[in-house]
């Protein structure tokens, strides 16, 4: 099985792929204007500023892509794998990418952007909580009952399959998620976005179950 991270390691424009997936998560359309970024680009910006150097990387990739030409045979195979985002009637895809690049460059040089307490798109949730998504979506999915007899068994399988750094990061992300999302209904929605497709153990509220899982991850036996 090829994970998305492994795929992105072997392509020419990995951050452009990620950027366009942000647009795909917000409706598969370029909605940016010269005055301000649209919802998708705002979500990408909020996550990009969290990673030092990422804005430099994505801007360089857009420059490279536009210099070669989106419809160049040289990169045709890779362009075919990019999410297909619909431009407005009065613009081309290349013009939309150039406009996004201008906004990203403005942010790189200290420009303002829209802050948000919680993620606003599916892409942004997954980007901010990747290990929680791997845990919930990979072990507590719709086929959960075919693989596990209990929630504890699924969590044990997760512990066996992942290394200490990954497990520590998952525990940290659960804590961040619980602190960020205070309402129970909102937490239910967020965990569904992150891949949870089964109920917690019987008579255990979702928040308590997540907190219990965090404790197990934090206090697991160390090698």
Protein backbone atom coordinates (compact mmCIF):
# COMPACT_ATOMS: atom_id res chain seq x y z
CA UNK A 1 0.00 0.00 0.00
CA UNK A 2 1.36 3.45 -0.96
CA UNK A 3 0.69 6.14 1.62
CA UNK A 4 0.04 9.71 0.45
CA UNK A 5 3.27 10.90 2.12
CA UNK A 6 5.29 8.33 0.14
CA UNK A 7 3.57 9.41 -3.08
CA UNK A 8 4.33 13.08 -2.43
CA UNK A 9 8.00 12.23 -1.82
CA UNK A 10 8.32 11.06 -5.44
CA UNK A 11 6.62 13.87 -7.34
CA UNK A 12 7.81 17.22 -8.58
CA UNK A 13 5.12 19.42 -7.04
CA UNK A 14 4.15 17.88 -3.68
CA UNK A 15 3.03 21.15 -2.08
CA UNK A 16 1.00 22.14 -5.13
CA UNK A 17 -0.74 18.78 -4.75
CA UNK A 18 -1.47 19.59 -1.11
CA UNK A 19 -2.61 23.11 -1.98
CA UNK A 20 -5.04 21.84 -4.61
CA UNK A 21 -6.36 19.22 -2.19
CA UNK A 22 -7.25 22.13 0.08
CA UNK A 23 -9.31 23.58 -2.77
CA UNK A 24 -10.87 20.16 -3.42
CA UNK A 25 -11.95 19.97 0.22
CA UNK A 26 -13.69 23.33 -0.08
CA UNK A 27 -15.74 22.67 -3.20
CA UNK A 28 -13.31 22.04 -6.07
CA UNK A 29 -13.36 25.68 -7.16
CA UNK A 30 -10.97 28.62 -7.15
CA UNK A 31 -12.77 31.33 -5.18
CA UNK A 32 -9.88 33.73 -4.56
CA UNK A 33 -10.15 37.35 -5.64
CA UNK A 34 -7.33 39.86 -6.08
CA UNK A 35 -8.53 41.47 -2.85
CA UNK A 36 -8.56 38.38 -0.62
CA UNK A 37 -8.04 34.61 -0.58
CA UNK A 38 -11.07 32.35 -0.65
CA UNK A 39 -11.96 29.75 1.99
CA UNK A 40 -9.67 27.04 0.58
CA UNK A 41 -6.59 29.24 0.34
CA UNK A 42 -7.27 30.69 3.78
CA UNK A 43 -7.32 27.17 5.21
CA UNK A 44 -4.04 26.35 3.45
CA UNK A 45 -2.43 29.55 4.69
CA UNK A 46 -3.41 28.86 8.31
CA UNK A 47 -1.66 25.50 8.16
CA UNK A 48 1.30 26.64 6.06
CA UNK A 49 2.32 29.35 8.50
CA UNK A 50 2.65 26.65 11.17
CA UNK A 51 5.53 25.02 9.24
CA UNK A 52 8.67 27.18 8.82
CA UNK A 53 9.76 27.41 5.21
CA UNK A 54 6.60 25.90 3.75
CA UNK A 55 5.43 29.13 2.11
CA UNK A 56 8.82 29.40 0.37
CA UNK A 57 8.45 25.83 -0.89
CA UNK A 58 4.95 26.11 -2.29
CA UNK A 59 5.69 29.46 -3.96
CA UNK A 60 8.80 27.98 -5.61
CA UNK A 61 6.75 25.01 -6.84
CA UNK A 62 4.05 27.26 -8.31
CA UNK A 63 6.76 29.31 -10.05
CA UNK A 64 8.27 26.11 -11.43
CA UNK A 65 4.90 24.81 -12.60
CA UNK A 66 3.95 28.07 -14.31
CA UNK A 67 7.39 28.41 -15.94
CA UNK A 68 7.13 24.92 -17.45
CA UNK A 69 3.49 25.39 -18.35
CA UNK A 70 0.54 23.53 -16.92
CA UNK A 71 -0.13 21.84 -20.25
CA UNK A 72 3.47 20.99 -21.10
CA UNK A 73 4.04 17.37 -22.17
CA UNK A 74 7.11 17.40 -19.90
CA UNK A 75 4.91 17.24 -16.80
CA UNK A 76 1.71 15.82 -18.31
CA UNK A 77 1.75 12.63 -16.23
CA UNK A 78 2.12 14.54 -12.99
CA UNK A 79 -0.45 17.19 -13.85
CA UNK A 80 -2.90 14.37 -14.55
CA UNK A 81 -2.68 13.37 -10.87
CA UNK A 82 -3.47 16.88 -9.57
CA UNK A 83 -6.99 17.53 -8.25
CA UNK A 84 -8.99 19.26 -10.99
CA UNK A 85 -10.11 22.60 -9.57
CA UNK A 86 -12.59 24.66 -11.56
CA UNK A 87 -11.57 28.23 -12.37
CA UNK A 88 -14.03 31.14 -12.71
CA UNK A 89 -15.34 31.79 -16.21
CA UNK A 90 -13.06 34.79 -16.71
CA UNK A 91 -9.82 33.08 -15.62
CA UNK A 92 -7.62 30.11 -16.53
CA UNK A 93 -6.22 27.62 -14.04
CA UNK A 94 -2.77 29.12 -14.52
CA UNK A 95 -4.11 32.59 -13.73
CA UNK A 96 -5.77 31.21 -10.60
CA UNK A 97 -2.49 29.62 -9.49
CA UNK A 98 -0.68 32.91 -10.14
CA UNK A 99 -3.26 34.74 -8.02
CA UNK A 100 -2.89 32.20 -5.21
CA UNK A 101 0.87 32.62 -5.46
CA UNK A 102 0.51 36.41 -5.02
CA UNK A 103 -1.54 35.91 -1.86
CA UNK A 104 0.94 33.37 -0.49
CA UNK A 105 3.83 35.72 -1.20
CA UNK A 106 2.02 38.53 0.60
CA UNK A 107 1.60 36.30 3.67
CA UNK A 108 5.24 35.26 3.43
CA UNK A 109 6.19 38.91 3.79
CA UNK A 110 4.03 39.50 6.84
CA UNK A 111 0.62 40.16 5.33
CA UNK A 112 -2.57 39.57 7.27
CA UNK A 113 -4.64 36.43 6.93
CA UNK A 114 -7.88 35.12 8.42
CA UNK A 115 -7.33 33.38 11.74
CA UNK A 116 -9.76 30.74 13.00
CA UNK A 117 -9.97 28.98 16.35
CA UNK A 118 -10.89 25.65 14.74
CA UNK A 119 -10.30 24.23 11.25
CA UNK A 120 -12.99 25.06 8.70
CA UNK A 121 -12.57 22.39 6.02
CA UNK A 122 -12.07 18.62 6.03
CA UNK A 123 -8.59 19.17 4.59
CA UNK A 124 -7.67 21.55 7.39
CA UNK A 125 -8.87 19.15 10.11
CA UNK A 126 -6.78 16.35 8.60
CA UNK A 127 -3.76 18.61 8.19
CA UNK A 128 -3.88 19.85 11.78
CA UNK A 129 -4.59 16.43 13.32
CA UNK A 130 -2.94 13.86 11.03
CA UNK A 131 -2.16 11.30 13.74
CA UNK A 132 -5.67 11.48 15.22
CA UNK A 133 -7.00 10.89 11.72
CA UNK A 134 -4.73 7.86 11.30
CA UNK A 135 -5.87 6.49 14.65
CA UNK A 136 -9.61 7.07 14.25
CA UNK A 137 -9.89 6.52 10.52
CA UNK A 138 -7.47 3.61 10.43
CA UNK A 139 -8.77 1.62 13.41
CA UNK A 140 -12.30 2.80 14.23
CA UNK A 141 -13.76 2.78 10.72
CA UNK A 142 -16.97 1.28 9.33
CA UNK A 143 -15.42 -2.22 9.14
CA UNK A 144 -14.26 -2.07 12.76
CA UNK A 145 -16.35 -5.06 13.87
CA UNK A 146 -14.84 -7.29 11.17
CA UNK A 147 -11.36 -6.83 12.59
CA UNK A 148 -11.74 -6.26 16.32
CA UNK A 149 -13.78 -7.67 19.19
CA UNK A 150 -13.45 -4.50 21.25
CA UNK A 151 -12.24 -0.92 21.20
CA UNK A 152 -9.34 -1.90 23.44
CA UNK A 153 -8.23 -4.55 20.95
CA UNK A 154 -8.22 -1.98 18.15
CA UNK A 155 -6.16 0.41 20.25
CA UNK A 156 -3.73 -2.39 21.10
CA UNK A 157 -3.32 -3.04 17.39
CA UNK A 158 -2.58 0.66 16.85
CA UNK A 159 0.07 0.55 19.59
CA UNK A 160 1.69 -2.52 18.03
CA UNK A 161 1.75 -0.97 14.56
CA UNK A 162 3.25 2.44 15.41
CA UNK A 163 6.48 3.72 16.87
CA UNK A 164 6.95 5.82 20.02
CA UNK A 165 7.17 9.18 18.24
CA UNK A 166 3.94 8.58 16.31
CA UNK A 167 2.11 7.43 19.44
CA UNK A 168 3.35 10.42 21.44
CA UNK A 169 2.21 12.77 18.70
CA UNK A 170 -1.23 11.12 18.60
CA UNK A 171 -1.59 11.59 22.36
CA UNK A 172 -0.54 15.22 22.05
CA UNK A 173 -3.02 15.82 19.22
CA UNK A 174 -5.88 14.28 21.20
CA UNK A 175 -5.14 16.71 24.02
CA UNK A 176 -5.08 19.63 21.60
CA UNK A 177 -8.34 18.49 20.00
CA UNK A 178 -10.13 18.20 23.35
CA UNK A 179 -8.94 21.63 24.43
CA UNK A 180 -9.84 23.21 21.09
CA UNK A 181 -13.34 21.76 20.69
CA UNK A 182 -15.33 22.47 23.84
CA UNK A 183 -18.85 21.51 22.72
CA UNK A 184 -19.84 17.85 22.61
CA UNK A 185 -21.77 18.21 19.35
CA UNK A 186 -18.82 19.95 17.74
CA UNK A 187 -16.48 17.23 19.01
CA UNK A 188 -18.73 14.59 17.50
CA UNK A 189 -18.61 16.39 14.14
CA UNK A 190 -14.85 16.86 14.30
CA UNK A 191 -14.12 13.21 15.06
CA UNK A 192 -16.40 12.10 12.23
CA UNK A 193 -14.44 14.36 9.86
CA UNK A 194 -11.27 12.75 11.20
CA UNK A 195 -12.54 9.27 10.34
CA UNK A 196 -14.39 7.97 13.41
CA UNK A 197 -17.24 5.74 12.21
CA UNK A 198 -18.10 3.74 15.34
CA UNK A 199 -19.61 4.70 18.68
CA UNK A 200 -17.40 4.77 21.79
CA UNK A 201 -17.70 1.83 24.19
CA UNK A 202 -21.18 1.48 25.69
CA UNK A 203 -22.15 4.19 28.21
CA UNK A 204 -18.84 6.04 27.69
CA UNK A 205 -19.17 9.63 26.42
CA UNK A 206 -17.02 10.48 23.41
CA UNK A 207 -14.92 13.07 25.25
CA UNK A 208 -14.15 10.67 28.09
CA UNK A 209 -13.30 7.87 25.68
CA UNK A 210 -10.83 10.10 23.84
CA UNK A 211 -9.32 11.21 27.12
CA UNK A 212 -9.04 7.57 28.23
CA UNK A 213 -7.32 6.68 24.95
CA UNK A 214 -4.93 9.58 25.41
CA UNK A 215 -4.05 8.24 28.86
CA UNK A 216 -3.39 4.76 27.49
CA UNK A 217 -1.16 6.18 24.76
CA UNK A 218 0.75 8.32 27.24
CA UNK A 219 1.23 5.60 29.88
CA UNK A 220 1.85 2.61 27.63
CA UNK A 221 4.82 0.38 28.55
CA UNK A 222 8.02 1.82 27.13
CA UNK A 223 10.63 -0.30 25.35
